């Protein structure tokens, strides 16, 4: 009867403890970071930039290049670095599931069958003399139940840390995808820039070959000197050498793209196509928007939440733990009587554990967790500062490159006029052929520089989109959570 009275009392105590449990440790709040009011950009850039935001998801479509879009999709499907990050995300999800599982009691069983023979000469007391050897059977079907009551929120903080870590890993995956796709776009436009330079060199070679034929004929006719022929031949071979060397650079970028799309370099080839795309109009928005656009900033913010929860876990070690336990089942010597009421057994109880002396380890753990949080705050603020720097650099870069593109186009036009004048004056006998060679070299250099600037404008546009987060939004992380489902709870 005593046990019957104590059982409801024990249950009532456990329920009271469950209801009255608290969560120790600081409540998480995002750390502040210094945010500029606006970007430092010149008025011409601001006026010429349309107010178009970066498209969410497939941001590369703003360039209108179907081949680039196809390569980006291949990279998302087959890039091995992305697959590594995706596997880490699954690990983080499983880790969160492990912590959530601690909310539920554990139930275990260990059925057993034993047949034993006791020696007839076994030691006994005088009250129970030995009567010879004894053989007996022991059949048991026990069940044990255990549950640790979350008195001071250690489990809740652990779940909070695991969920935040899961979200941080999801943000890291988005950041890896952004880095890979931006690197692919940058390599692609650089490769097309090299194609444009190669096109210029090939056209120049054709022009120089025709010029060499003309000068050679004039030399044979006694009109031109051997020096004129040598000068033209020198420029022709120099231009051919540049084209050969550029082919090596092109192959290196082609191989880099092969790795990004998950294909062996020897089997991957891109046909030549000169650069003809124009940088899209981009709007950098407000600097404050950047905190929600960048996946690396979101990852750093979630790591702060993890570190904050770790402080609560460390502080919970100062408080006692309460464990509820129970066991019961059936035990009999005859399997036919195993499920008999008389064969049942049970026990239940609770124990409270508290560390009295730890040699200062708990205090050190709290200090360790606090230092970890301070470090995560510094890392978050550093990520924010670097994000502002990257956007500002790319906005400034686009401004400078746009101005350089205009002035370089004027230089190319002037170089063409110079070459036309030099050719006319040479045919008229007013200048020697060196003036023509110099004009040809000058035009080639300026056309190549214009192609380089054009490629840099596109690559810088890619970098700006990457710096702005590629259209990503941190609000998507709210859906990245592991929730308890009956099928998961009951899964083995």
Protein backbone atom coordinates (compact mmCIF):
# COMPACT_ATOMS: atom_id res chain seq x y z
CA UNK A 1 0.00 0.00 0.00
CA UNK A 2 2.92 2.33 0.69
CA UNK A 3 4.17 1.95 -2.88
CA UNK A 4 0.68 2.66 -4.23
CA UNK A 5 0.57 6.01 -2.41
CA UNK A 6 4.09 6.99 -3.43
CA UNK A 7 3.61 6.39 -7.16
CA UNK A 8 1.11 9.24 -7.81
CA UNK A 9 3.20 11.52 -5.64
CA UNK A 10 6.29 10.77 -7.69
CA UNK A 11 4.43 11.34 -10.95
CA UNK A 12 3.07 14.62 -9.61
CA UNK A 13 6.55 15.75 -8.63
CA UNK A 14 7.88 14.93 -12.09
CA UNK A 15 5.07 16.88 -13.77
CA UNK A 16 5.66 19.87 -11.52
CA UNK A 17 9.33 19.83 -12.38
CA UNK A 18 8.54 19.56 -16.10
CA UNK A 19 6.18 22.53 -15.95
CA UNK A 20 8.45 24.64 -13.79
CA UNK A 21 11.63 23.98 -15.73
CA UNK A 22 13.58 27.01 -16.90
CA UNK A 23 16.15 27.69 -19.58
CA UNK A 24 19.44 29.15 -18.37
CA UNK A 25 21.78 31.17 -20.52
CA UNK A 26 21.40 34.46 -22.42
CA UNK A 27 18.53 34.95 -24.83
CA UNK A 28 19.87 35.26 -28.36
CA UNK A 29 19.89 38.64 -30.05
CA UNK A 30 21.67 39.40 -33.30
CA UNK A 31 24.76 41.51 -32.75
CA UNK A 32 24.80 44.95 -34.32
CA UNK A 33 27.12 45.91 -37.16
CA UNK A 34 28.02 49.33 -38.55
CA UNK A 35 26.07 49.89 -41.77
CA UNK A 36 26.73 52.82 -44.13
CA UNK A 37 23.72 54.83 -45.27
CA UNK A 38 24.57 54.61 -48.98
CA UNK A 39 27.19 53.46 -51.46
CA UNK A 40 29.94 55.81 -52.58
CA UNK A 41 29.15 56.01 -56.28
CA UNK A 42 29.37 58.81 -58.81
CA UNK A 43 26.24 60.32 -60.28
CA UNK A 44 26.76 59.12 -63.88
CA UNK A 45 26.79 55.51 -62.69
CA UNK A 46 23.69 56.04 -60.61
CA UNK A 47 21.80 57.76 -63.40
CA UNK A 48 22.70 55.18 -66.02
CA UNK A 49 21.96 52.14 -63.86
CA UNK A 50 18.35 50.95 -64.20
CA UNK A 51 16.51 49.93 -61.04
CA UNK A 52 16.45 46.24 -61.83
CA UNK A 53 17.09 43.82 -59.00
CA UNK A 54 19.07 40.62 -59.43
CA UNK A 55 16.77 37.74 -60.28
CA UNK A 56 16.43 35.13 -57.55
CA UNK A 57 17.93 31.74 -58.23
CA UNK A 58 19.28 31.66 -61.78
CA UNK A 59 20.86 35.12 -61.70
CA UNK A 60 23.11 34.34 -64.71
CA UNK A 61 20.10 34.63 -67.02
CA UNK A 62 20.47 38.44 -66.86
CA UNK A 63 23.38 38.08 -69.31
CA UNK A 64 21.18 36.45 -71.93
CA UNK A 65 23.76 33.79 -72.85
CA UNK A 66 22.17 30.38 -73.41
CA UNK A 67 25.50 28.57 -73.38
CA UNK A 68 26.40 30.09 -70.01
CA UNK A 69 22.99 29.14 -68.61
CA UNK A 70 23.46 25.53 -69.75
CA UNK A 71 26.90 25.36 -68.14
CA UNK A 72 25.56 26.79 -64.86
CA UNK A 73 22.89 24.10 -64.69
CA UNK A 74 25.52 21.42 -65.29
CA UNK A 75 27.61 22.85 -62.47
CA UNK A 76 24.70 22.82 -60.02
CA UNK A 77 24.02 19.17 -60.88
CA UNK A 78 27.56 17.80 -61.08
CA UNK A 79 30.01 20.08 -59.26
CA UNK A 80 31.77 18.02 -56.59
CA UNK A 81 32.36 20.93 -54.21
CA UNK A 82 28.61 21.56 -54.15
CA UNK A 83 28.02 17.86 -53.50
CA UNK A 84 30.39 17.99 -50.52
CA UNK A 85 28.46 20.94 -49.05
CA UNK A 86 25.14 19.17 -49.71
CA UNK A 87 26.40 16.11 -47.82
CA UNK A 88 27.42 18.35 -44.90
CA UNK A 89 23.92 19.80 -44.90
CA UNK A 90 22.47 16.30 -44.56
CA UNK A 91 24.86 15.65 -41.69
CA UNK A 92 23.73 18.85 -39.97
CA UNK A 93 20.11 17.83 -40.44
CA UNK A 94 20.82 14.43 -38.91
CA UNK A 95 22.65 16.08 -35.98
CA UNK A 96 19.62 18.27 -35.33
CA UNK A 97 17.44 15.15 -35.46
CA UNK A 98 19.66 13.49 -32.84
CA UNK A 99 19.17 16.40 -30.45
CA UNK A 100 15.42 16.54 -31.04
CA UNK A 101 15.21 12.82 -30.24
CA UNK A 102 16.39 13.57 -26.69
CA UNK A 103 12.97 15.12 -25.96
CA UNK A 104 11.49 11.65 -25.83
CA UNK A 105 12.02 8.81 -23.35
CA UNK A 106 14.11 5.82 -24.30
CA UNK A 107 12.59 2.36 -24.21
CA UNK A 108 14.71 -0.76 -24.42
CA UNK A 109 14.29 -4.48 -24.01
CA UNK A 110 16.72 -7.36 -23.58
CA UNK A 111 14.90 -10.73 -23.70
CA UNK A 112 16.94 -13.64 -22.44
CA UNK A 113 16.82 -17.39 -21.94
CA UNK A 114 19.25 -19.14 -19.59
CA UNK A 115 19.59 -22.75 -18.58
CA UNK A 116 22.06 -23.45 -15.78
CA UNK A 117 23.15 -26.25 -13.45
CA UNK A 118 24.25 -25.47 -9.91
CA UNK A 119 26.97 -27.66 -8.42
CA UNK A 120 26.01 -30.19 -5.80
CA UNK A 121 29.11 -29.19 -3.82
CA UNK A 122 28.40 -25.47 -3.92
CA UNK A 123 29.02 -23.55 -0.70
CA UNK A 124 25.89 -23.06 1.37
CA UNK A 125 24.90 -21.91 4.81
CA UNK A 126 23.88 -24.26 7.57
CA UNK A 127 20.28 -23.08 7.27
CA UNK A 128 20.14 -24.16 3.65
CA UNK A 129 22.17 -27.33 3.23
CA UNK A 130 23.13 -28.60 -0.21
CA UNK A 131 20.75 -31.18 -1.58
CA UNK A 132 22.76 -32.05 -4.67
CA UNK A 133 23.10 -30.47 -8.08
CA UNK A 134 20.23 -28.32 -9.31
CA UNK A 135 19.31 -27.47 -12.89
CA UNK A 136 17.06 -24.47 -13.60
CA UNK A 137 15.75 -22.35 -16.43
CA UNK A 138 15.40 -18.57 -16.40
CA UNK A 139 13.27 -16.94 -19.11
CA UNK A 140 12.91 -13.15 -18.96
CA UNK A 141 11.25 -10.47 -21.07
CA UNK A 142 12.26 -7.16 -19.45
CA UNK A 143 11.57 -3.57 -20.54
CA UNK A 144 13.38 -0.46 -19.32
CA UNK A 145 12.29 3.16 -19.67
CA UNK A 146 14.50 6.17 -19.02
CA UNK A 147 13.97 9.90 -19.29
CA UNK A 148 16.06 12.89 -18.25
CA UNK A 149 13.91 15.83 -17.27
CA UNK A 150 15.11 19.06 -18.90
CA UNK A 151 15.09 21.04 -15.67
CA UNK A 152 17.26 23.97 -16.69
CA UNK A 153 17.09 23.93 -20.46
CA UNK A 154 20.29 22.09 -21.32
CA UNK A 155 18.40 19.97 -23.84
CA UNK A 156 16.47 22.95 -25.18
CA UNK A 157 19.72 24.88 -25.69
CA UNK A 158 21.26 21.85 -27.38
CA UNK A 159 18.31 21.65 -29.79
CA UNK A 160 18.54 25.40 -30.37
CA UNK A 161 22.24 25.08 -31.19
CA UNK A 162 21.65 22.12 -33.51
CA UNK A 163 18.86 23.91 -35.40
CA UNK A 164 20.97 27.05 -35.79
CA UNK A 165 23.92 24.94 -36.97
CA UNK A 166 21.63 23.27 -39.51
CA UNK A 167 20.58 26.67 -40.81
CA UNK A 168 24.20 27.86 -40.89
CA UNK A 169 25.11 24.82 -42.99
CA UNK A 170 22.19 25.55 -45.33
CA UNK A 171 23.48 29.10 -45.76
CA UNK A 172 26.97 27.71 -46.38
CA UNK A 173 25.59 25.49 -49.15
CA UNK A 174 23.95 28.53 -50.78
CA UNK A 175 27.22 30.42 -50.46
CA UNK A 176 29.15 27.57 -52.10
CA UNK A 177 26.62 27.47 -54.93
CA UNK A 178 27.00 31.23 -55.38
CA UNK A 179 30.80 31.01 -55.39
CA UNK A 180 30.86 28.13 -57.90
CA UNK A 181 28.33 29.70 -60.27
CA UNK A 182 30.05 33.09 -60.09
CA UNK A 183 33.46 31.52 -60.68
CA UNK A 184 32.04 29.65 -63.66
CA UNK A 185 30.53 32.83 -65.13
CA UNK A 186 33.77 34.74 -64.57
CA UNK A 187 35.85 32.02 -66.25
CA UNK A 188 33.35 31.79 -69.09
CA UNK A 189 33.47 35.52 -69.86
CA UNK A 190 37.27 35.54 -69.56
CA UNK A 191 37.41 32.67 -72.05
CA UNK A 192 35.15 34.60 -74.42
CA UNK A 193 37.36 37.64 -73.95
CA UNK A 194 40.33 35.52 -75.08
CA UNK A 195 38.26 34.38 -78.05
CA UNK A 196 37.71 38.05 -78.93
CA UNK A 197 41.45 38.74 -78.65
CA UNK A 198 42.21 35.71 -80.79
CA UNK A 199 39.72 36.96 -83.37
CA UNK A 200 41.47 40.32 -83.44
CA UNK A 201 44.86 38.64 -83.81
CA UNK A 202 43.66 36.35 -86.60
CA UNK A 203 42.14 39.26 -88.53
CA UNK A 204 45.32 41.25 -87.99
CA UNK A 205 47.41 38.34 -89.29
CA UNK A 206 45.28 38.22 -92.44
CA UNK A 207 45.71 41.96 -92.93
CA UNK A 208 49.45 41.76 -92.34
CA UNK A 209 49.78 38.87 -94.78
CA UNK A 210 48.14 40.99 -97.48
CA UNK A 211 50.36 43.91 -96.53
CA UNK A 212 53.46 41.72 -96.70
CA UNK A 213 52.48 40.61 -100.20
CA UNK A 214 52.06 44.23 -101.26
CA UNK A 215 55.38 45.33 -99.79
CA UNK A 216 57.16 42.32 -101.25
CA UNK A 217 55.81 43.12 -104.72
CA UNK A 218 56.89 46.74 -104.35
CA UNK A 219 60.31 45.56 -103.22
CA UNK A 220 60.66 43.31 -106.25
CA UNK A 221 59.62 46.23 -108.40
CA UNK A 222 62.31 48.38 -106.80
CA UNK A 223 59.83 50.74 -105.14
CA UNK A 224 60.20 49.47 -101.54
CA UNK A 225 63.31 48.54 -99.61
CA UNK A 226 64.19 45.24 -97.99
CA UNK A 227 63.81 47.01 -94.65
CA UNK A 228 60.10 47.54 -95.31
CA UNK A 229 59.66 43.82 -96.01
CA UNK A 230 61.55 42.84 -92.84
CA UNK A 231 59.53 45.22 -90.66
CA UNK A 232 56.22 43.89 -91.95
CA UNK A 233 57.38 40.29 -91.63
CA UNK A 234 58.51 40.91 -88.04
CA UNK A 235 55.12 42.31 -87.02
CA UNK A 236 53.35 39.43 -88.77
CA UNK A 237 55.31 36.75 -86.90
CA UNK A 238 55.02 38.59 -83.60
CA UNK A 239 51.25 38.67 -84.00
CA UNK A 240 51.16 34.96 -84.80
CA UNK A 241 53.18 34.28 -81.64
CA UNK A 242 50.69 36.21 -79.51
CA UNK A 243 47.84 34.14 -80.93
CA UNK A 244 49.65 30.88 -80.15
CA UNK A 245 50.34 31.95 -76.57
CA UNK A 246 46.71 33.03 -76.05
CA UNK A 247 45.58 29.54 -77.04
CA UNK A 248 47.37 28.19 -73.96
CA UNK A 249 45.55 30.65 -71.69
CA UNK A 250 42.26 29.76 -73.33
CA UNK A 251 42.84 26.06 -72.70
CA UNK A 252 43.54 26.74 -69.02
CA UNK A 253 40.22 28.53 -68.61
CA UNK A 254 38.44 25.82 -70.60
CA UNK A 255 39.90 23.18 -68.25
CA UNK A 256 38.85 25.23 -65.21
CA UNK A 257 35.28 25.32 -66.52
CA UNK A 258 35.43 21.54 -67.07
CA UNK A 259 36.18 20.98 -63.38
CA UNK A 260 33.39 23.34 -62.32
CA UNK A 261 30.81 21.43 -64.40
CA UNK A 262 32.09 18.07 -63.19
CA UNK A 263 33.69 16.80 -66.40
CA UNK A 264 37.22 15.53 -67.20
CA UNK A 265 39.29 18.29 -68.82
CA UNK A 266 40.54 16.15 -71.77
CA UNK A 267 36.95 15.40 -72.83
CA UNK A 268 35.60 18.93 -72.44
CA UNK A 269 35.71 21.52 -75.20
CA UNK A 270 33.97 24.82 -75.91
CA UNK A 271 33.83 26.10 -79.46
CA UNK A 272 35.25 29.55 -80.07
CA UNK A 273 32.82 32.46 -79.84
CA UNK A 274 33.82 36.09 -79.57
CA UNK A 275 32.49 38.18 -76.75
CA UNK A 276 29.45 40.20 -77.75
CA UNK A 277 27.40 40.48 -74.54
CA UNK A 278 26.95 43.73 -72.65
CA UNK A 279 26.95 44.05 -68.86
CA UNK A 280 23.37 44.14 -67.51
CA UNK A 281 22.03 47.12 -65.62
CA UNK A 282 22.33 46.43 -61.88
CA UNK A 283 21.04 48.17 -58.79
CA UNK A 284 23.10 47.77 -55.65
CA UNK A 285 20.18 48.81 -53.45
CA UNK A 286 20.80 50.03 -49.89
CA UNK A 287 23.75 48.77 -47.85
CA UNK A 288 21.36 47.66 -45.11
CA UNK A 289 19.72 45.24 -47.56
CA UNK A 290 23.01 43.41 -47.92
CA UNK A 291 22.65 41.84 -44.45
CA UNK A 292 19.72 39.76 -45.74
CA UNK A 293 21.10 39.09 -49.23
CA UNK A 294 24.46 37.48 -48.51
CA UNK A 295 24.48 33.78 -47.55
CA UNK A 296 27.92 34.11 -45.93
CA UNK A 297 26.58 36.83 -43.63
CA UNK A 298 23.58 34.65 -42.82
CA UNK A 299 25.91 31.76 -42.02
CA UNK A 300 27.98 33.96 -39.69
CA UNK A 301 24.79 35.16 -37.99
CA UNK A 302 23.58 31.59 -37.44
CA UNK A 303 26.98 30.67 -36.01
CA UNK A 304 26.44 33.45 -33.46
CA UNK A 305 23.17 31.77 -32.48
CA UNK A 306 25.00 28.46 -32.06
CA UNK A 307 27.66 30.06 -29.87
CA UNK A 308 25.01 31.81 -27.78
CA UNK A 309 23.22 28.50 -27.14
CA UNK A 310 26.53 26.94 -26.12
CA UNK A 311 26.71 29.41 -23.23
CA UNK A 312 23.36 28.13 -21.95
CA UNK A 313 24.53 24.52 -22.28
CA UNK A 314 27.67 25.32 -20.28
CA UNK A 315 25.72 27.14 -17.56
CA UNK A 316 23.26 24.26 -17.22
CA UNK A 317 26.13 22.17 -15.83
CA UNK A 318 25.88 24.20 -12.60
CA UNK A 319 22.42 22.78 -11.92
CA UNK A 320 21.31 19.25 -10.97
CA UNK A 321 19.90 16.74 -13.41
CA UNK A 322 16.80 14.65 -12.78
CA UNK A 323 16.48 11.21 -14.33
CA UNK A 324 13.28 9.15 -14.22
CA UNK A 325 13.53 5.44 -14.76
CA UNK A 326 11.41 2.36 -14.71
CA UNK A 327 11.66 -1.27 -15.63
CA UNK A 328 9.33 -4.23 -15.71
CA UNK A 329 8.44 -7.35 -17.58
CA UNK A 330 7.96 -11.05 -17.13
CA UNK A 331 10.24 -13.70 -15.69
CA UNK A 332 9.62 -17.42 -15.27
CA UNK A 333 11.31 -20.79 -15.25
CA UNK A 334 8.67 -22.22 -17.59
CA UNK A 335 7.85 -20.49 -20.85
CA UNK A 336 4.22 -21.59 -20.49
CA UNK A 337 3.99 -19.43 -17.35
CA UNK A 338 5.93 -16.46 -18.74
CA UNK A 339 2.89 -14.27 -19.41
CA UNK A 340 1.23 -15.21 -16.12
CA UNK A 341 0.38 -12.35 -13.79
CA UNK A 342 2.48 -13.99 -11.12
CA UNK A 343 5.52 -13.76 -13.42
CA UNK A 344 5.49 -9.96 -13.68
CA UNK A 345 8.05 -7.71 -12.05
CA UNK A 346 8.50 -3.94 -12.03
CA UNK A 347 10.39 -1.08 -10.46
CA UNK A 348 10.44 2.70 -10.92
CA UNK A 349 12.18 5.65 -9.39
CA UNK A 350 14.09 8.84 -9.90
CA UNK A 351 17.54 10.13 -9.09
CA UNK A 352 19.00 13.59 -8.88
CA UNK A 353 22.64 14.17 -9.70
CA UNK A 354 24.65 17.27 -8.89
CA UNK A 355 28.39 17.83 -9.25
CA UNK A 356 29.70 19.24 -5.98
CA UNK A 357 33.34 19.76 -6.87
CA UNK A 358 34.70 19.95 -10.44
CA UNK A 359 37.98 21.75 -9.93
CA UNK A 360 36.71 24.81 -11.82
CA UNK A 361 35.90 22.94 -15.03
CA UNK A 362 32.32 24.29 -15.18
CA UNK A 363 33.50 27.86 -14.85
CA UNK A 364 36.11 27.23 -17.53
CA UNK A 365 33.46 25.75 -19.83
CA UNK A 366 31.31 28.87 -19.43
CA UNK A 367 34.31 31.09 -20.12
CA UNK A 368 35.14 28.99 -23.16
CA UNK A 369 31.57 29.33 -24.48
CA UNK A 370 31.54 33.10 -23.88
CA UNK A 371 34.84 33.50 -25.71
CA UNK A 372 33.44 31.44 -28.56
CA UNK A 373 30.43 33.75 -28.76
CA UNK A 374 32.65 36.85 -28.76
CA UNK A 375 34.66 35.32 -31.59
CA UNK A 376 31.50 34.58 -33.59
CA UNK A 377 30.37 38.20 -33.15
CA UNK A 378 33.72 39.43 -34.48
CA UNK A 379 33.50 36.98 -37.40
CA UNK A 380 29.97 38.21 -38.20
CA UNK A 381 31.02 41.84 -38.20
CA UNK A 382 34.07 41.01 -40.31
CA UNK A 383 31.81 39.28 -42.85
CA UNK A 384 29.62 42.39 -43.00
CA UNK A 385 32.59 44.72 -43.49
CA UNK A 386 34.03 42.52 -46.24
CA UNK A 387 30.62 42.41 -47.95
CA UNK A 388 30.45 46.22 -48.01
CA UNK A 389 34.00 46.36 -49.36
CA UNK A 390 33.29 43.87 -52.15
CA UNK A 391 30.16 45.68 -53.32
CA UNK A 392 31.84 49.07 -53.17
CA UNK A 393 34.88 47.78 -55.08
CA UNK A 394 32.73 46.29 -57.82
CA UNK A 395 30.46 49.34 -58.11
CA UNK A 396 33.54 51.55 -58.40
CA UNK A 397 35.10 49.09 -60.83
CA UNK A 398 32.07 49.17 -63.12
CA UNK A 399 32.12 52.96 -63.07
CA UNK A 400 35.80 53.10 -63.99
CA UNK A 401 35.55 50.36 -66.62
CA UNK A 402 32.54 52.02 -68.25
CA UNK A 403 34.49 55.24 -68.61
CA UNK A 404 37.57 53.34 -69.80
CA UNK A 405 35.49 51.47 -72.38
CA UNK A 406 34.24 54.73 -73.87
CA UNK A 407 37.66 56.32 -74.06
CA UNK A 408 39.26 53.13 -75.38
CA UNK A 409 36.66 52.89 -78.15
CA UNK A 410 37.65 56.41 -79.14
CA UNK A 411 41.31 55.32 -79.11
CA UNK A 412 40.52 52.39 -81.42
CA UNK A 413 38.68 54.69 -83.82
CA UNK A 414 41.61 57.10 -83.83
CA UNK A 415 44.09 54.23 -84.40
CA UNK A 416 42.10 53.07 -87.44
CA UNK A 417 42.16 56.59 -88.90
CA UNK A 418 45.90 56.76 -88.24
CA UNK A 419 46.48 53.50 -90.11
CA UNK A 420 44.37 54.67 -93.06
CA UNK A 421 46.35 57.93 -93.25
CA UNK A 422 49.70 56.11 -92.94
CA UNK A 423 48.78 53.70 -95.76
CA UNK A 424 47.72 56.58 -98.01
CA UNK A 425 50.86 58.57 -97.31
CA UNK A 426 53.06 55.50 -97.86
CA UNK A 427 51.46 54.72 -101.23
CA UNK A 428 51.96 58.37 -102.12
CA UNK A 429 55.61 58.14 -101.19
CA UNK A 430 55.36 60.72 -98.41
CA UNK A 431 56.46 58.44 -95.52
CA UNK A 432 58.47 55.24 -95.15
CA UNK A 433 56.87 51.91 -94.26
CA UNK A 434 57.87 52.15 -90.60
CA UNK A 435 55.01 54.62 -90.07
CA UNK A 436 52.60 52.02 -91.46
CA UNK A 437 54.02 49.26 -89.24
CA UNK A 438 53.75 51.48 -86.18
CA UNK A 439 50.15 52.34 -87.03
CA UNK A 440 49.32 48.64 -87.49
CA UNK A 441 50.90 47.76 -84.13
CA UNK A 442 49.11 50.65 -82.45
CA UNK A 443 45.72 49.57 -83.79
CA UNK A 444 46.32 45.97 -82.70
CA UNK A 445 47.27 47.03 -79.18
CA UNK A 446 44.24 49.29 -78.80
CA UNK A 447 41.80 46.68 -80.16
CA UNK A 448 43.19 44.11 -77.72
CA UNK A 449 42.88 46.56 -74.84
CA UNK A 450 39.27 47.26 -75.78
CA UNK A 451 38.53 43.52 -75.75
CA UNK A 452 40.18 43.18 -72.32
CA UNK A 453 38.11 46.06 -70.90
CA UNK A 454 34.93 44.54 -72.35
CA UNK A 455 35.71 41.22 -70.67
CA UNK A 456 36.57 42.93 -67.38
CA UNK A 457 33.24 44.77 -67.40
CA UNK A 458 31.35 41.48 -67.68
CA UNK A 459 33.49 39.74 -65.05
CA UNK A 460 33.06 42.71 -62.69
CA UNK A 461 29.30 42.54 -63.23
CA UNK A 462 29.45 38.89 -62.17
CA UNK A 463 31.46 39.85 -59.10
CA UNK A 464 28.94 42.55 -58.21
CA UNK A 465 26.04 40.09 -58.47
CA UNK A 466 28.01 37.68 -56.27
CA UNK A 467 28.78 40.47 -53.78
CA UNK A 468 25.06 41.30 -53.66
CA UNK A 469 24.20 37.68 -52.85
CA UNK A 470 23.01 36.48 -56.24
CA UNK A 471 19.38 37.26 -55.50
CA UNK A 472 19.38 35.08 -52.37
CA UNK A 473 17.32 36.07 -49.32
CA UNK A 474 18.01 35.03 -45.72
CA UNK A 475 14.26 34.67 -45.08
CA UNK A 476 14.45 31.29 -46.81
CA UNK A 477 16.36 29.93 -43.79
CA UNK A 478 13.23 30.08 -41.64
CA UNK A 479 11.98 26.95 -43.41
CA UNK A 480 15.23 25.08 -42.67
CA UNK A 481 14.24 23.30 -39.46
CA UNK A 482 13.95 19.73 -38.25
CA UNK A 483 10.54 19.09 -36.70
CA UNK A 484 9.36 16.07 -34.78
CA UNK A 485 7.25 13.74 -36.89
CA UNK A 486 5.59 10.59 -35.67
CA UNK A 487 7.26 8.43 -38.32
CA UNK A 488 10.67 9.80 -37.30
CA UNK A 489 10.02 9.38 -33.58
CA UNK A 490 8.95 5.75 -34.04
CA UNK A 491 11.72 4.95 -36.51
CA UNK A 492 14.30 2.43 -35.23
